[in-house]
Amino acid sequence: MQLELDLTPRRDDNLIRLMLQPPSPLVVDDTAHRKLDRYRRDQRRKYKA
Protein backbone atom coordinates (compact mmCIF):
# COMPACT_ATOMS: atom_id res chain seq x y z
CA MET A 1 0.00 0.00 0.00
CA GLN A 2 2.76 2.45 0.88
CA LEU A 3 4.48 1.67 -2.40
CA GLU A 4 1.36 2.53 -4.37
CA LEU A 5 1.03 5.85 -2.59
CA ASP A 6 4.72 6.65 -3.14
CA LEU A 7 4.41 5.91 -6.86
CA THR A 8 1.72 8.56 -7.29
CA PRO A 9 2.97 12.07 -6.51
CA ARG A 10 -0.37 13.56 -7.58
CA ARG A 11 -2.76 14.94 -4.99
CA ASP A 12 -5.31 12.11 -5.17
CA ASP A 13 -3.52 10.06 -2.52
CA ASN A 14 -6.74 10.15 -0.55
CA LEU A 15 -8.70 8.70 -3.46
CA ILE A 16 -6.16 5.90 -3.87
CA ARG A 17 -6.19 5.23 -0.15
CA LEU A 18 -9.98 5.05 -0.26
CA MET A 19 -9.94 2.60 -3.17
CA LEU A 20 -7.21 0.42 -1.70
CA GLN A 21 -8.57 0.26 1.82
CA PRO A 22 -11.94 1.93 2.29
CA PRO A 23 -12.86 2.92 5.82
CA SER A 24 -16.31 1.90 6.96
CA PRO A 25 -18.95 2.64 4.29
CA LEU A 26 -20.83 4.55 6.96
CA VAL A 27 -18.06 7.14 7.18
CA VAL A 28 -18.04 7.67 3.41
CA ASP A 29 -21.83 7.90 3.35
CA ASP A 30 -21.78 10.43 6.16
CA THR A 31 -19.41 12.79 4.36
CA ALA A 32 -21.37 12.44 1.12
CA HIS A 33 -24.60 13.29 2.90
CA ARG A 34 -23.01 16.25 4.63
CA LYS A 35 -21.74 17.59 1.29
CA LEU A 36 -25.16 17.13 -0.25
CA ASP A 37 -26.84 18.92 2.65
CA ARG A 38 -24.43 21.83 2.44
CA TYR A 39 -25.01 22.04 -1.33
CA ARG A 40 -28.80 22.09 -0.88
CA ARG A 41 -28.52 24.71 1.84
CA ASP A 42 -26.37 26.91 -0.38
CA GLN A 43 -28.85 26.58 -3.25
CA ARG A 44 -31.74 27.54 -0.99
CA ARG A 45 -29.81 30.57 0.28
CA LYS A 46 -29.00 31.58 -3.29
CA TYR A 47 -32.63 31.51 -4.41
CA LYS A 48 -33.88 33.34 -1.31
CA ALA A 49 -31.56 36.30 -1.90
PDB file of N, CA and C in Angstrom:
ATOM      1  N   MET A   1       0.829  -1.201   0.000  1.00  0.00           N
ATOM      2  CA  MET A   1       0.000   0.000   0.000  1.00  0.00           C
ATOM      3  C   MET A   1       0.868   1.257   0.000  1.00  0.00           C
ATOM      4  N   GLN A   2       1.888   1.285   0.853  1.00  0.00           N
ATOM      5  CA  GLN A   2       2.758   2.453   0.885  1.00  0.00           C
ATOM      6  C   GLN A   2       3.423   2.656  -0.479  1.00  0.00           C
ATOM      7  N   LEU A   3       3.839   1.556  -1.106  1.00  0.00           N
ATOM      8  CA  LEU A   3       4.483   1.669  -2.403  1.00  0.00           C
ATOM      9  C   LEU A   3       3.561   2.346  -3.400  1.00  0.00           C
ATOM     10  N   GLU A   4       2.296   1.930  -3.425  1.00  0.00           N
ATOM     11  CA  GLU A   4       1.357   2.526  -4.373  1.00  0.00           C
ATOM     12  C   GLU A   4       1.271   4.037  -4.150  1.00  0.00           C
ATOM     13  N   LEU A   5       1.159   4.426  -2.880  1.00  0.00           N
ATOM     14  CA  LEU A   5       1.034   5.849  -2.591  1.00  0.00           C
ATOM     15  C   LEU A   5       2.301   6.592  -3.014  1.00  0.00           C
ATOM     16  N   ASP A   6       3.472   5.982  -2.788  1.00  0.00           N
ATOM     17  CA  ASP A   6       4.723   6.650  -3.144  1.00  0.00           C
ATOM     18  C   ASP A   6       4.862   6.786  -4.655  1.00  0.00           C
ATOM     19  N   LEU A   7       4.273   5.862  -5.408  1.00  0.00           N
ATOM     20  CA  LEU A   7       4.411   5.911  -6.860  1.00  0.00           C
ATOM     21  C   LEU A   7       3.552   7.013  -7.465  1.00  0.00           C
ATOM     22  N   THR A   8       2.589   7.540  -6.718  1.00  0.00           N
ATOM     23  CA  THR A   8       1.715   8.564  -7.292  1.00  0.00           C
ATOM     24  C   THR A   8       1.923   9.881  -6.566  1.00  0.00           C
ATOM     25  N   PRO A   9       2.714  10.781  -7.137  1.00  0.00           N
ATOM     26  CA  PRO A   9       2.974  12.072  -6.512  1.00  0.00           C
ATOM     27  C   PRO A   9       1.778  13.012  -6.593  1.00  0.00           C
ATOM     28  N   ARG A  10       0.774  12.671  -7.423  1.00  0.00           N
ATOM     29  CA  ARG A  10      -0.374  13.559  -7.578  1.00  0.00           C
ATOM     30  C   ARG A  10      -1.134  13.685  -6.263  1.00  0.00           C
ATOM     31  N   ARG A  11      -2.087  14.620  -6.249  1.00  0.00           N
ATOM     32  CA  ARG A  11      -2.762  14.942  -4.995  1.00  0.00           C
ATOM     33  C   ARG A  11      -3.947  14.025  -4.688  1.00  0.00           C
ATOM     34  N   ASP A  12      -4.183  12.975  -5.503  1.00  0.00           N
ATOM     35  CA  ASP A  12      -5.314  12.111  -5.168  1.00  0.00           C
ATOM     36  C   ASP A  12      -4.867  10.920  -4.344  1.00  0.00           C
ATOM     37  N   ASP A  13      -3.919  11.135  -3.429  1.00  0.00           N
ATOM     38  CA  ASP A  13      -3.516  10.058  -2.518  1.00  0.00           C
ATOM     39  C   ASP A  13      -4.734   9.565  -1.753  1.00  0.00           C
ATOM     40  N   ASN A  14      -5.574  10.520  -1.343  1.00  0.00           N
ATOM     41  CA  ASN A  14      -6.744  10.146  -0.551  1.00  0.00           C
ATOM     42  C   ASN A  14      -7.649   9.220  -1.344  1.00  0.00           C
ATOM     43  N   LEU A  15      -7.842   9.532  -2.621  1.00  0.00           N
ATOM     44  CA  LEU A  15      -8.700   8.695  -3.460  1.00  0.00           C
ATOM     45  C   LEU A  15      -8.116   7.293  -3.542  1.00  0.00           C
ATOM     46  N   ILE A  16      -6.805   7.209  -3.771  1.00  0.00           N
ATOM     47  CA  ILE A  16      -6.162   5.896  -3.867  1.00  0.00           C
ATOM     48  C   ILE A  16      -6.299   5.158  -2.552  1.00  0.00           C
ATOM     49  N   ARG A  17      -6.080   5.876  -1.450  1.00  0.00           N
ATOM     50  CA  ARG A  17      -6.188   5.229  -0.149  1.00  0.00           C
ATOM     51  C   ARG A  17      -7.607   4.697   0.033  1.00  0.00           C
ATOM     52  N   LEU A  18      -8.589   5.492  -0.388  1.00  0.00           N
ATOM     53  CA  LEU A  18      -9.982   5.053  -0.262  1.00  0.00           C
ATOM     54  C   LEU A  18     -10.213   3.782  -1.071  1.00  0.00           C
ATOM     55  N   MET A  19      -9.696   3.758  -2.304  1.00  0.00           N
ATOM     56  CA  MET A  19      -9.943   2.604  -3.172  1.00  0.00           C
ATOM     57  C   MET A  19      -9.212   1.373  -2.642  1.00  0.00           C
ATOM     58  N   LEU A  20      -7.979   1.575  -2.154  1.00  0.00           N
ATOM     59  CA  LEU A  20      -7.205   0.425  -1.697  1.00  0.00           C
ATOM     60  C   LEU A  20      -7.773  -0.151  -0.409  1.00  0.00           C
ATOM     61  N   GLN A  21      -8.135   0.734   0.508  1.00  0.00           N
ATOM     62  CA  GLN A  21      -8.566   0.260   1.817  1.00  0.00           C
ATOM     63  C   GLN A  21      -9.640   1.206   2.337  1.00  0.00           C
ATOM     64  N   PRO A  22     -10.878   1.019   1.881  1.00  0.00           N
ATOM     65  CA  PRO A  22     -11.936   1.930   2.289  1.00  0.00           C
ATOM     66  C   PRO A  22     -12.185   1.846   3.783  1.00  0.00           C
ATOM     67  N   PRO A  23     -12.442   2.977   4.432  1.00  0.00           N
ATOM     68  CA  PRO A  23     -12.864   2.924   5.824  1.00  0.00           C
ATOM     69  C   PRO A  23     -14.244   2.290   5.874  1.00  0.00           C
ATOM     70  N   SER A  24     -14.985   2.494   6.938  1.00  0.00           N
ATOM     71  CA  SER A  24     -16.312   1.896   6.961  1.00  0.00           C
ATOM     72  C   SER A  24     -17.202   2.656   5.984  1.00  0.00           C
ATOM     73  N   PRO A  25     -18.058   1.964   5.247  1.00  0.00           N
ATOM     74  CA  PRO A  25     -18.946   2.636   4.290  1.00  0.00           C
ATOM     75  C   PRO A  25     -19.774   3.732   4.969  1.00  0.00           C
ATOM     76  N   LEU A  26     -20.040   3.549   6.247  1.00  0.00           N
ATOM     77  CA  LEU A  26     -20.833   4.554   6.960  1.00  0.00           C
ATOM     78  C   LEU A  26     -20.126   5.900   6.949  1.00  0.00           C
ATOM     79  N   VAL A  27     -18.805   5.883   7.146  1.00  0.00           N
ATOM     80  CA  VAL A  27     -18.064   7.141   7.179  1.00  0.00           C
ATOM     81  C   VAL A  27     -18.176   7.837   5.828  1.00  0.00           C
ATOM     82  N   VAL A  28     -17.958   7.085   4.748  1.00  0.00           N
ATOM     83  CA  VAL A  28     -18.038   7.666   3.408  1.00  0.00           C
ATOM     84  C   VAL A  28     -19.430   8.232   3.178  1.00  0.00           C
ATOM     85  N   ASP A  29     -20.454   7.437   3.514  1.00  0.00           N
ATOM     86  CA  ASP A  29     -21.830   7.897   3.348  1.00  0.00           C
ATOM     87  C   ASP A  29     -22.049   9.201   4.097  1.00  0.00           C
ATOM     88  N   ASP A  30     -21.552   9.252   5.334  1.00  0.00           N
ATOM     89  CA  ASP A  30     -21.780  10.429   6.161  1.00  0.00           C
ATOM     90  C   ASP A  30     -21.223  11.679   5.481  1.00  0.00           C
ATOM     91  N   THR A  31     -19.994  11.603   4.981  1.00  0.00           N
ATOM     92  CA  THR A  31     -19.408  12.788   4.359  1.00  0.00           C
ATOM     93  C   THR A  31     -20.195  13.161   3.107  1.00  0.00           C
ATOM     94  N   ALA A  32     -20.608  12.163   2.337  1.00  0.00           N
ATOM     95  CA  ALA A  32     -21.374  12.443   1.122  1.00  0.00           C
ATOM     96  C   ALA A  32     -22.665  13.171   1.483  1.00  0.00           C
ATOM     97  N   HIS A  33     -23.347  12.658   2.500  1.00  0.00           N
ATOM     98  CA  HIS A  33     -24.601  13.293   2.898  1.00  0.00           C
ATOM     99  C   HIS A  33     -24.356  14.718   3.367  1.00  0.00           C
ATOM    100  N   ARG A  34     -23.282  14.904   4.121  1.00  0.00           N
ATOM    101  CA  ARG A  34     -23.006  16.245   4.625  1.00  0.00           C
ATOM    102  C   ARG A  34     -22.767  17.196   3.455  1.00  0.00           C
ATOM    103  N   LYS A  35     -21.999  16.743   2.463  1.00  0.00           N
ATOM    104  CA  LYS A  35     -21.741  17.589   1.294  1.00  0.00           C
ATOM    105  C   LYS A  35     -23.051  17.935   0.600  1.00  0.00           C
ATOM    106  N   LEU A  36     -23.890  16.915   0.425  1.00  0.00           N
ATOM    107  CA  LEU A  36     -25.163  17.134  -0.253  1.00  0.00           C
ATOM    108  C   LEU A  36     -26.006  18.144   0.517  1.00  0.00           C
ATOM    109  N   ASP A  37     -26.051  17.987   1.840  1.00  0.00           N
ATOM    110  CA  ASP A  37     -26.838  18.920   2.654  1.00  0.00           C
ATOM    111  C   ASP A  37     -26.314  20.341   2.495  1.00  0.00           C
ATOM    112  N   ARG A  38     -24.999  20.492   2.559  1.00  0.00           N
ATOM    113  CA  ARG A  38     -24.431  21.830   2.440  1.00  0.00           C
ATOM    114  C   ARG A  38     -24.786  22.416   1.073  1.00  0.00           C
ATOM    115  N   TYR A  39     -24.695  21.583   0.026  1.00  0.00           N
ATOM    116  CA  TYR A  39     -25.010  22.044  -1.327  1.00  0.00           C
ATOM    117  C   TYR A  39     -26.458  22.520  -1.393  1.00  0.00           C
ATOM    118  N   ARG A  40     -27.385  21.705  -0.859  1.00  0.00           N
ATOM    119  CA  ARG A  40     -28.804  22.088  -0.881  1.00  0.00           C
ATOM    120  C   ARG A  40     -29.017  23.394  -0.122  1.00  0.00           C
ATOM    121  N   ARG A  41     -28.350  23.508   1.046  1.00  0.00           N
ATOM    122  CA  ARG A  41     -28.520  24.713   1.845  1.00  0.00           C
ATOM    123  C   ARG A  41     -28.042  25.929   1.051  1.00  0.00           C
ATOM    124  N   ASP A  42     -26.891  25.788   0.392  1.00  0.00           N
ATOM    125  CA  ASP A  42     -26.365  26.910  -0.383  1.00  0.00           C
ATOM    126  C   ASP A  42     -27.333  27.289  -1.490  1.00  0.00           C
ATOM    127  N   GLN A  43     -27.901  26.287  -2.174  1.00  0.00           N
ATOM    128  CA  GLN A  43     -28.848  26.575  -3.247  1.00  0.00           C
ATOM    129  C   GLN A  43     -30.046  27.348  -2.699  1.00  0.00           C
ATOM    130  N   ARG A  44     -30.574  26.876  -1.572  1.00  0.00           N
ATOM    131  CA  ARG A  44     -31.739  27.541  -0.986  1.00  0.00           C
ATOM    132  C   ARG A  44     -31.404  29.000  -0.682  1.00  0.00           C
ATOM    133  N   ARG A  45     -30.217  29.214  -0.085  1.00  0.00           N
ATOM    134  CA  ARG A  45     -29.812  30.570   0.276  1.00  0.00           C
ATOM    135  C   ARG A  45     -29.727  31.426  -0.989  1.00  0.00           C
ATOM    136  N   LYS A  46     -29.180  30.840  -2.052  1.00  0.00           N
ATOM    137  CA  LYS A  46     -28.998  31.578  -3.293  1.00  0.00           C
ATOM    138  C   LYS A  46     -30.353  32.052  -3.828  1.00  0.00           C
ATOM    139  N   TYR A  47     -31.339  31.162  -3.816  1.00  0.00           N
ATOM    140  CA  TYR A  47     -32.629  31.511  -4.407  1.00  0.00           C
ATOM    141  C   TYR A  47     -33.415  32.476  -3.530  1.00  0.00           C
ATOM    142  N   LYS A  48     -33.180  32.414  -2.203  1.00  0.00           N
ATOM    143  CA  LYS A  48     -33.882  33.342  -1.313  1.00  0.00           C
ATOM    144  C   LYS A  48     -33.414  34.770  -1.568  1.00  0.00           C
ATOM    145  N   ALA A  49     -32.122  34.958  -1.755  1.00  0.00           N
ATOM    146  CA  ALA A  49     -31.562  36.303  -1.903  1.00  0.00           C
ATOM    147  C   ALA A  49     -32.109  37.010  -3.150  1.00  0.00           C
TER     148      ALA A  49
END
